[in-house]
């Protein structure tokens, strides 16, 4: 009895093994049948991008730094990227070392100019007082000579003549002294004006620097989100970064209602991208969500990618969906619809094969059917002729498929 049970068990195991290996062998051949698809056919170009705000309000540091010969500033401190603030809230602090050194230099200049002003005033007062005393004495001399001339009417003509000559000489000397006095006065006033002017220029510069020093503590110009400015290489302008004196923007406050996916397309695909094409935007942070978009601009001139010889063209995609989830710097996957055909037949690309330049598929009726093909996308290709809606095709060549009949589109067989 035991022998019969053992023999039956062995026979059952053999049958199970035969069925198992037969099924596995069939699976290993990859004989997967799919139905010809009918519907709208879409060709897309996929790109990776980054969200940026279409418009943003700059948060600026001090103005006119170049006037003080300050061309670079370091950011000593800045709030966390993405912080939400109110108008007037603290945003950043800029390094004050350069401007404080220049303020000290100007303070020394002001002290020197003040000393020059005092010295010039004293010298002018002393010089002009001596000149005025000299003019008074000369005037008295002229008056004395005039009296002498008046009294000489009773003297001989020669004496009268001599008195007249002395009076004329005295008058000329006095007139010359008056002219010299006016020249000295003008020169003294000019010297005073030069020193005063130099002092005023330094004082204005000093006042501007003091006023500018206040703006080294940067505050938010309005309510909103603070986003650190990006440098040309994509790095954030955070703590320790250098801000150019030619561009005093410390950070930005984006308008979140107008977002753009900034992306780059290779030179092979850029000819397919046109302004106005529809785009499906996917955000890596929210993989289950889809956002609408439209191509807003395509660069006419390409640029070389860093660390690569490949050229790319900048494409800006405007998000038409408004969602509070969208934030600047989020990574996006963009599917740009470049071509659409409605109500056409299509099959997976891997189902199509080629023989001597002739395209064909393996039909479910055990024939190799020639097909006329149309446009393709990443996964499928349009079949213009050779298949019907109810047809089934193999994704991979079935076993002994080379022995199947080859059916031409003209129905001639080879």
Protein backbone atom coordinates (compact mmCIF):
# COMPACT_ATOMS: atom_id res chain seq x y z
CA UNK A 1 0.00 0.00 0.00
CA UNK A 2 2.80 2.35 0.93
CA UNK A 3 4.51 1.63 -2.38
CA UNK A 4 1.35 2.67 -4.27
CA UNK A 5 1.14 5.91 -2.28
CA UNK A 6 4.79 6.66 -2.92
CA UNK A 7 4.43 5.89 -6.63
CA UNK A 8 1.35 8.12 -6.87
CA UNK A 9 3.15 10.97 -5.10
CA UNK A 10 6.10 10.72 -7.47
CA UNK A 11 3.78 10.73 -10.50
CA UNK A 12 1.94 13.79 -9.18
CA UNK A 13 5.21 15.60 -8.56
CA UNK A 14 6.33 14.82 -12.10
CA UNK A 15 3.08 16.20 -13.55
CA UNK A 16 3.37 19.39 -11.47
CA UNK A 17 6.97 19.83 -12.59
CA UNK A 18 6.00 19.37 -16.26
CA UNK A 19 3.22 21.98 -15.98
CA UNK A 20 5.49 24.38 -14.06
CA UNK A 21 8.38 24.18 -16.50
CA UNK A 22 6.04 24.41 -19.47
CA UNK A 23 4.48 27.57 -18.10
CA UNK A 24 7.86 29.02 -17.19
CA UNK A 25 9.21 28.25 -20.62
CA UNK A 26 6.23 30.03 -22.17
CA UNK A 27 6.77 33.05 -19.91
CA UNK A 28 10.48 33.10 -20.70
CA UNK A 29 9.73 33.49 -24.39
CA UNK A 30 8.21 36.90 -23.60
CA UNK A 31 5.07 36.16 -25.63
CA UNK A 32 3.08 39.20 -24.46
CA UNK A 33 0.14 40.23 -26.58
CA UNK A 34 -1.26 43.78 -26.55
CA UNK A 35 -4.24 45.23 -28.35
CA UNK A 36 -3.87 47.93 -30.98
CA UNK A 37 -4.70 51.23 -29.28
CA UNK A 38 -7.03 53.81 -30.77
CA UNK A 39 -7.25 57.32 -29.40
CA UNK A 40 -5.50 60.66 -29.26
CA UNK A 41 -1.77 60.45 -29.86
CA UNK A 42 0.48 62.95 -28.08
CA UNK A 43 4.17 63.69 -28.67
CA UNK A 44 5.92 65.35 -25.74
CA UNK A 45 9.34 66.66 -24.81
CA UNK A 46 10.31 66.04 -21.19
CA UNK A 47 12.54 68.51 -19.35
CA UNK A 48 13.66 69.14 -15.80
CA UNK A 49 13.31 72.66 -14.48
CA UNK A 50 13.10 74.85 -11.43
CA UNK A 51 10.30 77.10 -10.24
CA UNK A 52 10.99 80.84 -10.14
CA UNK A 53 8.65 83.76 -9.67
CA UNK A 54 7.77 85.66 -12.83
CA UNK A 55 7.84 88.88 -10.82
CA UNK A 56 9.56 89.69 -7.57
CA UNK A 57 10.28 92.70 -5.40
CA UNK A 58 14.00 93.20 -4.75
CA UNK A 59 15.19 93.69 -1.19
CA UNK A 60 18.00 96.20 -1.59
CA UNK A 61 20.96 97.18 0.49
CA UNK A 62 22.58 100.64 0.62
CA UNK A 63 22.58 102.82 -2.49
CA UNK A 64 25.56 104.61 -4.03
CA UNK A 65 28.32 102.38 -2.66
CA UNK A 66 30.50 103.04 -5.71
CA UNK A 67 30.55 106.73 -4.77
CA UNK A 68 32.38 105.69 -1.60
CA UNK A 69 34.68 103.39 -3.60
CA UNK A 70 33.07 100.32 -2.06
CA UNK A 71 32.59 97.71 -4.76
CA UNK A 72 31.90 94.54 -2.78
CA UNK A 73 30.07 93.79 0.45
CA UNK A 74 29.83 90.59 2.43
CA UNK A 75 26.55 89.39 3.89
CA UNK A 76 27.27 89.02 7.58
CA UNK A 77 23.86 87.57 8.41
CA UNK A 78 20.58 86.80 6.62
CA UNK A 79 17.35 85.11 7.69
CA UNK A 80 16.53 81.60 6.56
CA UNK A 81 15.62 81.15 2.90
CA UNK A 82 11.84 81.03 2.47
CA UNK A 83 11.02 82.94 5.67
CA UNK A 84 7.72 84.84 5.72
CA UNK A 85 8.06 88.39 7.06
CA UNK A 86 6.10 91.60 7.58
CA UNK A 87 7.01 95.01 6.24
CA UNK A 88 9.89 96.44 8.25
CA UNK A 89 11.02 93.10 9.64
CA UNK A 90 14.73 92.29 9.82
CA UNK A 91 16.16 90.53 6.74
CA UNK A 92 19.95 90.80 6.72
CA UNK A 93 23.06 92.56 8.01
CA UNK A 94 25.91 93.60 5.72
CA UNK A 95 29.55 93.80 6.76
CA UNK A 96 30.28 97.40 7.86
CA UNK A 97 34.08 97.17 7.99
CA UNK A 98 34.83 99.07 4.75
CA UNK A 99 32.38 101.89 5.30
CA UNK A 100 33.34 102.43 8.95
CA UNK A 101 37.01 102.70 7.91
CA UNK A 102 36.08 105.29 5.29
CA UNK A 103 33.99 107.21 7.82
CA UNK A 104 37.03 107.39 10.12
CA UNK A 105 39.16 108.69 7.21
CA UNK A 106 36.62 111.41 6.43
CA UNK A 107 36.40 112.39 10.10
CA UNK A 108 40.16 113.04 9.97
CA UNK A 109 39.70 115.11 6.79
CA UNK A 110 36.98 117.16 8.45
CA UNK A 111 39.20 117.89 11.44
CA UNK A 112 41.99 119.00 9.08
CA UNK A 113 39.66 121.26 7.08
CA UNK A 114 38.25 122.79 10.27
CA UNK A 115 41.79 123.59 11.40
CA UNK A 116 42.57 125.14 8.00
CA UNK A 117 39.42 127.25 8.19
CA UNK A 118 40.41 128.63 11.59
CA UNK A 119 43.98 129.34 10.44
CA UNK A 120 42.82 130.99 7.22
CA UNK A 121 40.35 133.18 9.09
CA UNK A 122 43.05 134.34 11.53
CA UNK A 123 45.60 134.99 8.78
CA UNK A 124 43.04 136.90 6.76
CA UNK A 125 42.00 139.00 9.75
CA UNK A 126 45.61 139.94 10.59
CA UNK A 127 46.58 140.67 6.99
CA UNK A 128 43.53 142.76 6.23
CA UNK A 129 43.77 144.72 9.50
CA UNK A 130 47.33 145.76 8.63
CA UNK A 131 46.26 146.73 5.12
CA UNK A 132 43.37 148.82 6.49
CA UNK A 133 45.71 150.66 8.90
CA UNK A 134 48.07 151.38 6.03
CA UNK A 135 45.23 152.79 3.92
CA UNK A 136 44.15 155.09 6.77
CA UNK A 137 47.67 156.42 7.13
CA UNK A 138 47.93 157.01 3.40
CA UNK A 139 44.64 158.83 3.42
CA UNK A 140 45.89 161.12 6.17
CA UNK A 141 49.05 161.72 4.12
CA UNK A 142 46.94 162.73 1.09
CA UNK A 143 44.98 165.15 3.25
CA UNK A 144 48.21 166.65 4.60
CA UNK A 145 49.57 167.11 1.11
CA UNK A 146 46.35 168.80 0.12
CA UNK A 147 46.69 171.28 3.02
CA UNK A 148 50.27 172.01 2.04
CA UNK A 149 49.19 172.72 -1.53
CA UNK A 150 46.40 175.00 -0.36
CA UNK A 151 48.82 177.00 1.79
CA UNK A 152 51.40 177.32 -1.02
CA UNK A 153 49.38 180.01 -2.85
CA UNK A 154 51.53 182.59 -1.14
CA UNK A 155 54.75 180.80 -2.03
CA UNK A 156 56.80 181.10 -5.23
CA UNK A 157 55.51 179.16 -8.27
CA UNK A 158 58.26 176.54 -7.91
CA UNK A 159 57.18 175.80 -4.36
CA UNK A 160 53.54 175.58 -5.44
CA UNK A 161 54.53 173.22 -8.25
CA UNK A 162 56.45 170.99 -5.85
CA UNK A 163 53.49 170.83 -3.45
CA UNK A 164 51.17 169.84 -6.28
CA UNK A 165 53.53 167.08 -7.42
CA UNK A 166 53.73 165.69 -3.86
CA UNK A 167 49.94 165.64 -3.64
CA UNK A 168 49.58 163.77 -6.93
CA UNK A 169 52.22 161.24 -5.88
CA UNK A 170 50.45 160.68 -2.58
CA UNK A 171 47.09 160.18 -4.28
CA UNK A 172 48.56 157.62 -6.73
CA UNK A 173 50.16 155.74 -3.87
CA UNK A 174 46.84 155.73 -2.00
CA UNK A 175 44.90 154.57 -5.07
CA UNK A 176 47.42 151.77 -5.66
CA UNK A 177 47.12 150.71 -2.04
CA UNK A 178 43.31 150.62 -2.36
CA UNK A 179 43.58 148.37 -5.41
CA UNK A 180 46.07 146.12 -3.63
CA UNK A 181 43.77 145.95 -0.63
CA UNK A 182 40.87 144.81 -2.83
CA UNK A 183 43.09 142.15 -4.45
CA UNK A 184 44.25 140.88 -1.06
CA UNK A 185 40.64 140.81 0.14
CA UNK A 186 39.52 138.84 -2.96
CA UNK A 187 42.43 136.42 -2.57
CA UNK A 188 41.67 135.87 1.10
CA UNK A 189 38.00 135.30 0.33
CA UNK A 190 38.96 132.81 -2.41
CA UNK A 191 41.24 130.92 -0.02
CA UNK A 192 38.48 130.81 2.54
CA UNK A 193 36.00 129.62 -0.10
CA UNK A 194 38.34 126.83 -1.25
CA UNK A 195 38.80 125.51 2.25
CA UNK A 196 35.10 125.89 3.00
CA UNK A 197 34.20 124.10 -0.23
CA UNK A 198 36.52 121.18 0.55
CA UNK A 199 35.04 121.02 4.02
CA UNK A 200 31.46 121.06 2.68
CA UNK A 201 32.21 118.26 0.18
CA UNK A 202 33.69 116.08 2.89
CA UNK A 203 30.82 116.91 5.24
CA UNK A 204 28.23 115.93 2.62
CA UNK A 205 30.13 112.71 1.95
CA UNK A 206 30.31 112.08 5.68
CA UNK A 207 26.57 112.63 6.13
CA UNK A 208 25.78 110.33 3.19
CA UNK A 209 27.95 107.60 4.66
CA UNK A 210 26.26 107.91 8.04
CA UNK A 211 22.87 107.72 6.35
CA UNK A 212 24.00 104.77 4.22
CA UNK A 213 25.35 103.02 7.29
CA UNK A 214 21.78 102.67 8.59
CA UNK A 215 20.77 100.70 5.50
CA UNK A 216 23.47 98.09 6.20
CA UNK A 217 20.77 96.56 8.37
CA UNK A 218 18.32 95.45 5.67
CA UNK A 219 14.58 95.37 6.32
CA UNK A 220 11.66 93.94 4.34
CA UNK A 221 10.03 96.53 2.03
CA UNK A 222 6.65 94.76 2.22
CA UNK A 223 4.89 91.66 3.53
CA UNK A 224 5.85 88.39 1.86
CA UNK A 225 8.35 85.55 1.57
CA UNK A 226 12.10 86.20 1.51
CA UNK A 227 14.06 84.18 -1.04
CA UNK A 228 17.83 84.43 -1.14
CA UNK A 229 19.17 85.74 -4.42
CA UNK A 230 20.80 83.23 -6.76
CA UNK A 231 24.24 83.87 -8.22
CA UNK A 232 25.09 83.20 -11.86
CA UNK A 233 26.24 79.68 -10.96
CA UNK A 234 22.96 78.89 -9.18
CA UNK A 235 24.37 79.15 -5.65
CA UNK A 236 22.45 81.05 -3.00
CA UNK A 237 23.64 84.45 -1.83
CA UNK A 238 23.62 83.49 1.83
CA UNK A 239 25.81 84.24 4.86
CA UNK A 240 29.38 84.97 3.79
CA UNK A 241 28.45 85.60 0.15
CA UNK A 242 29.80 88.68 -1.57
CA UNK A 243 27.31 91.23 -2.89
CA UNK A 244 28.48 93.41 -5.77
CA UNK A 245 28.34 97.17 -5.36
CA UNK A 246 27.01 97.34 -8.90
CA UNK A 247 23.96 95.31 -7.88
CA UNK A 248 22.76 96.03 -4.36
CA UNK A 249 20.00 93.38 -4.29
CA UNK A 250 20.38 91.29 -1.13
CA UNK A 251 17.32 89.04 -1.53
CA UNK A 252 13.96 88.94 -3.29
CA UNK A 253 10.28 88.72 -2.42
CA UNK A 254 8.59 86.66 -5.16
CA UNK A 255 4.96 87.03 -6.18
CA UNK A 256 3.79 83.46 -5.63
CA UNK A 257 0.70 83.88 -7.82
CA UNK A 258 2.84 84.05 -10.97
CA UNK A 259 5.28 81.14 -11.13
CA UNK A 260 7.52 80.02 -13.98
CA UNK A 261 9.33 76.74 -14.51
CA UNK A 262 12.74 77.72 -15.87
CA UNK A 263 14.20 74.84 -17.83
CA UNK A 264 16.77 74.08 -20.55
CA UNK A 265 16.17 72.07 -23.72
CA UNK A 266 18.93 70.44 -25.78
CA UNK A 267 19.62 71.65 -29.30
CA UNK A 268 18.04 68.50 -30.79
CA UNK A 269 14.62 69.08 -29.24
CA UNK A 270 14.50 72.88 -29.14
CA UNK A 271 13.11 73.09 -32.69
CA UNK A 272 10.02 71.23 -31.46
CA UNK A 273 9.31 73.76 -28.69
CA UNK A 274 7.07 76.70 -29.64
CA UNK A 275 5.59 79.55 -27.65
CA UNK A 276 2.02 78.76 -26.65
CA UNK A 277 2.39 74.97 -26.42
CA UNK A 278 0.62 73.29 -23.50
CA UNK A 279 2.69 71.80 -20.69
CA UNK A 280 2.01 69.44 -17.83
CA UNK A 281 4.08 70.46 -14.82
CA UNK A 282 4.93 67.94 -12.12
CA UNK A 283 6.64 68.99 -8.91
CA UNK A 284 9.00 66.51 -7.26
CA UNK A 285 7.80 67.60 -3.82
CA UNK A 286 4.20 66.61 -4.71
CA UNK A 287 4.45 63.64 -7.12
CA UNK A 288 0.70 63.00 -7.15
CA UNK A 289 -0.21 66.49 -8.29
CA UNK A 290 -0.32 67.87 -11.83
CA UNK A 291 -0.25 71.56 -12.77
CA UNK A 292 -1.08 73.21 -16.06
CA UNK A 293 1.41 75.33 -17.94
CA UNK A 294 2.16 77.04 -21.23
CA UNK A 295 5.44 77.78 -23.02
CA UNK A 296 6.07 81.50 -22.53
CA UNK A 297 9.46 81.98 -24.20
CA UNK A 298 12.19 80.07 -26.03
CA UNK A 299 15.72 81.46 -26.20
CA UNK A 300 17.04 82.21 -29.68
CA UNK A 301 20.66 81.72 -28.64
CA UNK A 302 21.99 78.62 -26.93
CA UNK A 303 24.45 78.45 -24.08
CA UNK A 304 26.99 75.87 -23.07
CA UNK A 305 26.24 73.78 -20.02
CA UNK A 306 28.77 73.84 -17.22
CA UNK A 307 31.28 70.98 -17.31
CA UNK A 308 29.92 69.86 -20.68
CA UNK A 309 30.22 70.61 -24.38
CA UNK A 310 26.47 70.25 -24.89
CA UNK A 311 24.48 73.35 -25.80
CA UNK A 312 21.08 74.06 -24.34
CA UNK A 313 18.39 76.69 -24.83
CA UNK A 314 16.52 78.35 -21.99
CA UNK A 315 12.76 77.79 -22.03
CA UNK A 316 10.36 79.52 -19.65
CA UNK A 317 7.08 77.77 -18.89
CA UNK A 318 4.36 79.81 -17.20
CA UNK A 319 2.28 77.89 -14.66
CA UNK A 320 -1.39 78.45 -15.44
CA UNK A 321 -2.49 76.66 -12.28
CA UNK A 322 -2.39 78.79 -9.14
CA UNK A 323 -1.62 76.75 -6.05
CA UNK A 324 -0.25 77.79 -2.66
CA UNK A 325 1.93 74.66 -2.70
CA UNK A 326 4.16 76.02 -5.44
CA UNK A 327 7.31 77.64 -4.11
CA UNK A 328 10.46 79.06 -5.73
CA UNK A 329 13.40 76.66 -6.25
CA UNK A 330 11.16 73.55 -6.36
CA UNK A 331 12.31 71.01 -8.96
CA UNK A 332 9.83 70.39 -11.77
CA UNK A 333 9.33 67.76 -14.44
CA UNK A 334 7.78 69.35 -17.53
CA UNK A 335 6.00 67.50 -20.33
CA UNK A 336 5.67 69.84 -23.30
CA UNK A 337 3.03 68.75 -25.80
CA UNK A 338 4.68 69.39 -29.16
CA UNK A 339 2.31 67.44 -31.46
CA UNK A 340 -1.17 65.91 -31.18
CA UNK A 341 -3.19 63.69 -33.53
CA UNK A 342 -6.74 62.70 -32.66
CA UNK A 343 -8.33 59.27 -33.14
CA UNK A 344 -5.41 57.27 -34.54
CA UNK A 345 -4.12 53.69 -34.11
CA UNK A 346 -0.89 53.13 -32.27
CA UNK A 347 1.21 50.30 -30.86
CA UNK A 348 4.17 50.18 -28.46
CA UNK A 349 7.47 50.95 -30.17
CA UNK A 350 8.96 47.63 -29.07
CA UNK A 351 6.25 45.79 -31.04
CA UNK A 352 7.61 47.14 -34.36
CA UNK A 353 10.46 45.35 -36.15
CA UNK A 354 12.30 45.84 -39.42
CA UNK A 355 13.43 43.57 -42.26
CA UNK A 356 15.33 44.98 -45.24
CA UNK A 357 13.93 48.42 -44.55
CA UNK A 358 10.35 47.13 -44.23
CA UNK A 359 8.53 47.69 -40.89
CA UNK A 360 6.30 44.92 -39.56
CA UNK A 361 4.66 43.53 -36.44
CA UNK A 362 3.88 40.04 -35.18
CA UNK A 363 0.09 39.77 -35.27
CA UNK A 364 -1.89 37.56 -32.99
CA UNK A 365 -3.01 35.48 -36.03
CA UNK A 366 0.54 34.12 -36.39
CA UNK A 367 1.58 36.37 -39.27
CA UNK A 368 4.23 39.00 -39.77
CA UNK A 369 2.27 42.02 -40.93
CA UNK A 370 3.89 44.91 -42.81
CA UNK A 371 2.80 48.29 -41.40
CA UNK A 372 2.98 51.87 -42.51
CA UNK A 373 4.14 54.04 -39.64
CA UNK A 374 3.66 57.65 -38.64
CA UNK A 375 4.84 59.90 -35.81
CA UNK A 376 6.21 58.40 -32.59
CA UNK A 377 6.74 59.46 -29.02
CA UNK A 378 8.87 57.94 -26.26
CA UNK A 379 6.65 54.84 -25.90
CA UNK A 380 4.35 54.42 -28.89
CA UNK A 381 4.19 54.86 -32.65
CA UNK A 382 1.26 55.59 -34.98
CA UNK A 383 0.22 52.85 -37.42
CA UNK A 384 -1.21 54.43 -40.56
CA UNK A 385 -1.95 51.14 -42.37
CA UNK A 386 -1.69 47.40 -41.85
CA UNK A 387 -3.63 46.89 -38.62
CA UNK A 388 -7.23 47.09 -37.40
CA UNK A 389 -8.65 48.17 -34.06
CA UNK A 390 -9.32 44.57 -32.97
CA UNK A 391 -5.82 43.30 -33.83
CA UNK A 392 -3.42 41.98 -31.21
CA UNK A 393 0.35 42.27 -31.59
CA UNK A 394 3.30 40.72 -29.81
CA UNK A 395 5.66 42.98 -27.87
CA UNK A 396 8.56 40.59 -28.49
CA UNK A 397 9.21 38.06 -31.27
CA UNK A 398 7.39 34.81 -30.41
CA UNK A 399 8.99 31.41 -30.66
CA UNK A 400 9.74 30.36 -34.26
CA UNK A 401 8.27 33.66 -35.49
CA UNK A 402 10.71 33.69 -38.42
CA UNK A 403 8.66 30.88 -39.94
CA UNK A 404 5.46 32.93 -39.95
CA UNK A 405 4.01 34.21 -43.18
CA UNK A 406 4.95 37.78 -44.10
CA UNK A 407 1.93 39.78 -45.24
CA UNK A 408 2.55 42.87 -47.35
CA UNK A 409 0.24 45.85 -47.33
CA UNK A 410 -0.66 44.84 -50.92
CA UNK A 411 -1.61 41.39 -49.55
CA UNK A 412 1.26 39.68 -51.43
CA UNK A 413 3.01 37.14 -49.23
CA UNK A 414 6.73 36.32 -48.94
